[in-house]
N, C-alpha and C. Protein backbone atom coordinates (compact mmCIF):
# COMPACT_ATOMS: atom_id res chain seq x y z
N MET A 1 118.16 83.44 107.41
CA MET A 1 117.93 84.37 106.34
C MET A 1 119.26 85.03 105.98
N THR A 2 119.52 85.23 104.72
CA THR A 2 120.75 85.87 104.29
C THR A 2 120.49 87.29 103.87
N THR A 3 121.54 88.09 103.83
CA THR A 3 121.37 89.46 103.38
C THR A 3 121.24 89.49 101.86
N ILE A 4 120.60 90.51 101.37
CA ILE A 4 120.39 90.67 99.94
C ILE A 4 121.31 91.78 99.46
N GLU A 5 121.97 91.57 98.33
CA GLU A 5 122.83 92.60 97.80
C GLU A 5 122.02 93.85 97.54
N THR A 6 122.67 95.03 97.74
CA THR A 6 121.94 96.28 97.60
C THR A 6 121.51 96.53 96.17
N THR A 7 122.09 95.84 95.18
CA THR A 7 121.67 96.04 93.80
C THR A 7 120.38 95.29 93.49
N GLN A 8 120.01 94.33 94.31
CA GLN A 8 118.76 93.59 94.13
C GLN A 8 117.68 94.22 94.99
N VAL A 9 116.47 94.19 94.50
CA VAL A 9 115.33 94.64 95.30
C VAL A 9 114.36 93.48 95.38
N SER A 10 114.11 93.01 96.59
CA SER A 10 113.22 91.87 96.79
C SER A 10 111.77 92.28 96.51
N PRO A 11 110.91 91.30 96.25
CA PRO A 11 109.49 91.62 96.07
C PRO A 11 108.89 92.34 97.28
N ILE A 12 109.32 91.96 98.48
CA ILE A 12 108.82 92.63 99.69
C ILE A 12 109.29 94.08 99.71
N ALA A 13 110.54 94.32 99.37
CA ALA A 13 111.06 95.69 99.31
C ALA A 13 110.30 96.52 98.29
N GLN A 14 109.97 95.92 97.15
CA GLN A 14 109.21 96.64 96.12
C GLN A 14 107.84 97.05 96.67
N LEU A 15 107.18 96.14 97.37
CA LEU A 15 105.88 96.46 97.96
C LEU A 15 106.03 97.53 99.04
N ASN A 16 107.06 97.42 99.87
CA ASN A 16 107.27 98.42 100.91
C ASN A 16 107.57 99.79 100.31
N ASP A 17 108.37 99.82 99.25
CA ASP A 17 108.65 101.09 98.58
C ASP A 17 107.37 101.70 98.01
N GLU A 18 106.58 100.88 97.35
CA GLU A 18 105.33 101.37 96.77
C GLU A 18 104.40 101.93 97.85
N PHE A 19 104.31 101.22 98.96
CA PHE A 19 103.48 101.68 100.08
C PHE A 19 104.03 102.98 100.66
N ARG A 20 105.32 103.00 100.96
CA ARG A 20 105.96 104.16 101.56
C ARG A 20 105.86 105.39 100.65
N GLN A 21 105.86 105.15 99.36
CA GLN A 21 105.83 106.26 98.40
C GLN A 21 104.41 106.73 98.08
N GLY A 22 103.41 106.13 98.72
CA GLY A 22 102.08 106.70 98.61
C GLY A 22 100.94 105.78 98.24
N ASN A 23 101.18 104.49 97.97
CA ASN A 23 100.08 103.58 97.65
C ASN A 23 99.45 103.11 98.96
N ASN A 24 98.52 103.91 99.46
CA ASN A 24 97.90 103.61 100.75
C ASN A 24 96.96 102.43 100.71
N SER A 25 96.68 101.88 99.53
CA SER A 25 95.83 100.69 99.45
C SER A 25 96.55 99.47 100.02
N LEU A 26 97.87 99.57 100.22
CA LEU A 26 98.65 98.44 100.75
C LEU A 26 98.69 98.40 102.28
N GLY A 27 98.18 99.44 102.93
CA GLY A 27 98.27 99.42 104.39
C GLY A 27 97.74 100.67 105.05
N ARG A 28 98.23 100.87 106.26
CA ARG A 28 97.81 101.99 107.10
C ARG A 28 99.03 102.76 107.58
N ILE A 29 98.81 104.03 107.87
CA ILE A 29 99.85 104.90 108.39
C ILE A 29 99.50 105.25 109.84
N CYS A 30 100.48 105.14 110.73
CA CYS A 30 100.30 105.54 112.13
C CYS A 30 101.38 106.54 112.49
N THR A 31 101.02 107.48 113.31
CA THR A 31 102.00 108.43 113.83
C THR A 31 101.93 108.44 115.35
N THR A 32 103.02 108.79 115.95
CA THR A 32 103.12 108.82 117.41
C THR A 32 102.93 110.26 117.91
N PRO A 33 102.77 110.44 119.22
CA PRO A 33 102.59 111.79 119.75
C PRO A 33 103.70 112.77 119.36
N GLY A 34 104.93 112.28 119.24
CA GLY A 34 106.02 113.16 118.85
C GLY A 34 105.85 113.73 117.46
N VAL A 35 105.27 112.97 116.56
CA VAL A 35 105.00 113.45 115.20
C VAL A 35 103.72 114.28 115.20
N ASN A 36 102.72 113.84 115.94
CA ASN A 36 101.45 114.58 116.01
C ASN A 36 101.63 115.98 116.58
N ALA A 37 102.65 116.19 117.39
CA ALA A 37 102.89 117.50 118.00
C ALA A 37 103.48 118.51 117.01
N LEU A 38 103.96 118.03 115.87
CA LEU A 38 104.51 118.93 114.85
C LEU A 38 103.40 119.70 114.16
N SER A 39 103.75 120.82 113.58
CA SER A 39 102.78 121.58 112.79
C SER A 39 102.38 120.76 111.56
N SER A 40 101.28 121.11 110.97
CA SER A 40 100.82 120.42 109.77
C SER A 40 101.86 120.52 108.66
N ASP A 41 102.47 121.68 108.48
CA ASP A 41 103.50 121.85 107.46
C ASP A 41 104.70 120.95 107.73
N ASP A 42 105.12 120.87 108.99
CA ASP A 42 106.25 120.01 109.33
C ASP A 42 105.91 118.54 109.12
N GLN A 43 104.70 118.13 109.47
CA GLN A 43 104.28 116.75 109.23
C GLN A 43 104.30 116.43 107.74
N GLN A 44 103.81 117.35 106.93
CA GLN A 44 103.81 117.13 105.49
C GLN A 44 105.22 116.99 104.95
N GLU A 45 106.14 117.82 105.44
CA GLU A 45 107.53 117.73 104.99
C GLU A 45 108.17 116.43 105.46
N LEU A 46 107.88 116.02 106.67
CA LEU A 46 108.42 114.77 107.18
C LEU A 46 107.92 113.58 106.35
N PHE A 47 106.65 113.57 106.00
CA PHE A 47 106.14 112.50 105.15
C PHE A 47 106.73 112.56 103.74
N ARG A 48 107.02 113.75 103.24
CA ARG A 48 107.69 113.85 101.94
C ARG A 48 109.07 113.20 102.03
N LEU A 49 109.76 113.42 103.14
CA LEU A 49 111.09 112.81 103.34
C LEU A 49 110.99 111.29 103.44
N VAL A 50 109.93 110.78 104.05
CA VAL A 50 109.72 109.33 104.12
C VAL A 50 109.48 108.78 102.71
N ARG A 51 108.64 109.45 101.94
CA ARG A 51 108.32 108.99 100.58
C ARG A 51 109.56 108.95 99.69
N THR A 52 110.48 109.89 99.89
CA THR A 52 111.65 109.98 99.01
C THR A 52 112.89 109.31 99.60
N PHE A 53 112.79 108.73 100.78
CA PHE A 53 113.93 108.08 101.41
C PHE A 53 114.44 106.94 100.53
N ASP A 54 115.75 106.92 100.32
CA ASP A 54 116.33 105.82 99.51
C ASP A 54 117.72 105.42 99.99
N ASP A 55 118.02 105.70 101.23
CA ASP A 55 119.35 105.41 101.78
C ASP A 55 119.39 104.03 102.43
N PHE A 56 118.96 103.02 101.69
CA PHE A 56 118.99 101.65 102.20
C PHE A 56 120.34 101.04 101.86
N THR A 57 121.00 100.51 102.88
CA THR A 57 122.30 99.86 102.70
C THR A 57 122.27 98.51 103.40
N GLU A 58 123.29 97.72 103.17
CA GLU A 58 123.35 96.42 103.83
C GLU A 58 123.40 96.57 105.35
N SER A 59 124.01 97.65 105.83
CA SER A 59 124.12 97.83 107.28
C SER A 59 122.81 98.26 107.93
N ASN A 60 121.96 99.03 107.23
CA ASN A 60 120.71 99.47 107.85
C ASN A 60 119.49 98.72 107.32
N ASP A 61 119.71 97.83 106.35
CA ASP A 61 118.63 97.06 105.74
C ASP A 61 119.13 95.64 105.44
N PRO A 62 119.55 94.90 106.49
CA PRO A 62 120.24 93.62 106.26
C PRO A 62 119.40 92.56 105.55
N TYR A 63 118.08 92.64 105.62
CA TYR A 63 117.23 91.65 104.97
C TYR A 63 116.68 92.15 103.64
N GLY A 64 117.04 93.37 103.27
CA GLY A 64 116.65 93.91 101.98
C GLY A 64 115.17 94.16 101.81
N GLU A 65 114.48 94.49 102.91
CA GLU A 65 113.03 94.69 102.83
C GLU A 65 112.60 96.15 102.77
N HIS A 66 113.53 97.08 102.95
CA HIS A 66 113.20 98.52 102.93
C HIS A 66 112.07 98.83 103.92
N ASP A 67 112.19 98.26 105.12
CA ASP A 67 111.12 98.40 106.11
C ASP A 67 111.45 99.31 107.28
N PHE A 68 112.60 99.99 107.24
CA PHE A 68 113.00 100.86 108.34
C PHE A 68 113.91 101.95 107.81
N GLY A 69 113.77 103.15 108.35
CA GLY A 69 114.67 104.22 107.97
C GLY A 69 114.74 105.29 109.03
N CYS A 70 115.86 106.00 109.05
CA CYS A 70 116.08 107.14 109.95
C CYS A 70 116.20 108.40 109.11
N ILE A 71 115.51 109.44 109.53
CA ILE A 71 115.49 110.69 108.79
C ILE A 71 115.82 111.83 109.74
N LYS A 72 116.73 112.69 109.34
CA LYS A 72 117.02 113.90 110.10
C LYS A 72 116.12 115.01 109.58
N PHE A 73 115.45 115.66 110.52
CA PHE A 73 114.54 116.76 110.17
C PHE A 73 114.59 117.79 111.27
N LYS A 74 115.00 119.01 110.93
CA LYS A 74 115.09 120.11 111.88
C LYS A 74 115.91 119.72 113.11
N SER A 75 117.07 119.15 112.88
CA SER A 75 118.02 118.76 113.93
C SER A 75 117.51 117.64 114.83
N GLU A 76 116.47 116.96 114.42
CA GLU A 76 115.92 115.83 115.17
C GLU A 76 115.95 114.59 114.28
N VAL A 77 115.90 113.42 114.90
CA VAL A 77 115.89 112.17 114.14
C VAL A 77 114.52 111.51 114.29
N TYR A 78 113.97 111.13 113.16
CA TYR A 78 112.69 110.43 113.11
C TYR A 78 112.90 109.08 112.44
N ASN A 79 112.14 108.10 112.85
CA ASN A 79 112.22 106.75 112.28
C ASN A 79 110.88 106.39 111.66
N PHE A 80 110.97 105.62 110.57
CA PHE A 80 109.76 104.97 110.09
C PHE A 80 110.02 103.46 110.11
N LYS A 81 108.97 102.71 110.39
CA LYS A 81 109.05 101.26 110.48
C LYS A 81 107.81 100.68 109.83
N ILE A 82 108.00 99.71 108.95
CA ILE A 82 106.87 99.02 108.33
C ILE A 82 106.78 97.62 108.92
N ASP A 83 105.62 97.31 109.47
CA ASP A 83 105.35 95.97 110.01
C ASP A 83 104.27 95.31 109.17
N TYR A 84 104.21 93.98 109.26
CA TYR A 84 103.31 93.18 108.43
C TYR A 84 102.29 92.46 109.31
N TYR A 85 101.02 92.71 109.03
CA TYR A 85 99.94 92.11 109.81
C TYR A 85 98.97 91.36 108.89
N THR A 86 98.18 90.49 109.51
CA THR A 86 97.08 89.88 108.78
C THR A 86 96.07 90.99 108.45
N PRO A 87 95.20 90.78 107.47
CA PRO A 87 94.25 91.84 107.10
C PRO A 87 93.39 92.35 108.25
N ASP A 88 93.11 91.51 109.25
CA ASP A 88 92.32 91.97 110.39
C ASP A 88 93.17 92.68 111.45
N LEU A 89 94.46 92.80 111.20
CA LEU A 89 95.42 93.48 112.08
C LEU A 89 95.56 92.82 113.46
N MET A 90 95.15 91.56 113.57
CA MET A 90 95.20 90.87 114.85
C MET A 90 96.50 90.08 115.06
N HIS A 91 97.18 89.70 113.98
CA HIS A 91 98.37 88.86 114.07
C HIS A 91 99.39 89.30 113.03
N GLY A 92 100.61 88.84 113.20
CA GLY A 92 101.62 89.08 112.19
C GLY A 92 101.32 88.27 110.94
N SER A 93 101.67 88.84 109.80
CA SER A 93 101.43 88.14 108.53
C SER A 93 102.41 86.99 108.38
N GLU A 94 101.93 85.88 107.86
CA GLU A 94 102.80 84.72 107.62
C GLU A 94 103.56 84.86 106.30
N ASP A 95 103.10 85.79 105.42
CA ASP A 95 103.74 85.95 104.11
C ASP A 95 103.62 87.40 103.66
N PRO A 96 104.58 88.27 104.04
CA PRO A 96 104.50 89.69 103.69
C PRO A 96 104.49 89.97 102.19
N GLY A 97 104.88 89.00 101.38
CA GLY A 97 104.84 89.18 99.94
C GLY A 97 103.49 88.93 99.32
N ASP A 98 102.55 88.34 100.09
CA ASP A 98 101.22 88.00 99.60
C ASP A 98 100.23 89.08 100.04
N LEU A 99 99.74 89.85 99.08
CA LEU A 99 98.84 90.96 99.40
C LEU A 99 97.51 90.50 99.97
N THR A 100 97.12 89.25 99.71
CA THR A 100 95.86 88.76 100.27
C THR A 100 96.00 88.38 101.74
N LYS A 101 97.24 88.23 102.20
CA LYS A 101 97.49 87.84 103.59
C LYS A 101 98.12 88.94 104.42
N THR A 102 98.35 90.11 103.82
CA THR A 102 99.15 91.12 104.51
C THR A 102 98.58 92.52 104.39
N THR A 103 98.53 93.21 105.52
CA THR A 103 98.30 94.65 105.58
C THR A 103 99.55 95.26 106.19
N ARG A 104 100.15 96.20 105.49
CA ARG A 104 101.33 96.88 105.99
C ARG A 104 100.90 98.01 106.92
N VAL A 105 101.69 98.23 107.97
CA VAL A 105 101.46 99.35 108.86
C VAL A 105 102.78 100.10 108.97
N LEU A 106 102.77 101.35 108.49
CA LEU A 106 103.94 102.21 108.61
C LEU A 106 103.74 103.10 109.82
N THR A 107 104.68 103.05 110.74
CA THR A 107 104.65 103.92 111.91
C THR A 107 105.77 104.93 111.78
N LEU A 108 105.42 106.18 111.90
CA LEU A 108 106.38 107.28 111.86
C LEU A 108 106.48 107.86 113.26
N MET A 109 107.72 107.96 113.77
CA MET A 109 107.91 108.36 115.16
C MET A 109 109.18 109.16 115.33
N HIS A 110 109.23 109.95 116.39
CA HIS A 110 110.47 110.58 116.81
C HIS A 110 111.37 109.47 117.36
N SER A 111 112.67 109.59 117.16
CA SER A 111 113.56 108.51 117.59
C SER A 111 113.47 108.21 119.08
N SER A 112 113.10 109.18 119.89
CA SER A 112 112.96 108.93 121.33
C SER A 112 111.77 108.04 121.65
N GLU A 113 110.89 107.85 120.69
CA GLU A 113 109.69 107.02 120.89
C GLU A 113 109.88 105.59 120.40
N TYR A 114 111.06 105.27 119.85
CA TYR A 114 111.29 103.94 119.31
C TYR A 114 111.60 102.96 120.41
């Protein structure tokens, strides 16, 4: 697989951006205990930061899928990761670009939980 220039946005990246920005029909959201321990207000702000994240570069997004990011929040680092599963969530998706074969799962976690 080759890297994609940062000026191009792949179809998978477009779907990941749409999902991350709030189209929950494309998948599921999971949080870890480190995120669950935050106050409701802090969780809402952290998710706002995930929705607005746009710091994708060739070094942190080598495949151009917009499927991972690091966010600083209150002097801590949090990561989000989007994985691709079959609709029954039992296996990895064979084609993340095909909505009939893929359910996205975004996991939001404290960096110590990665």
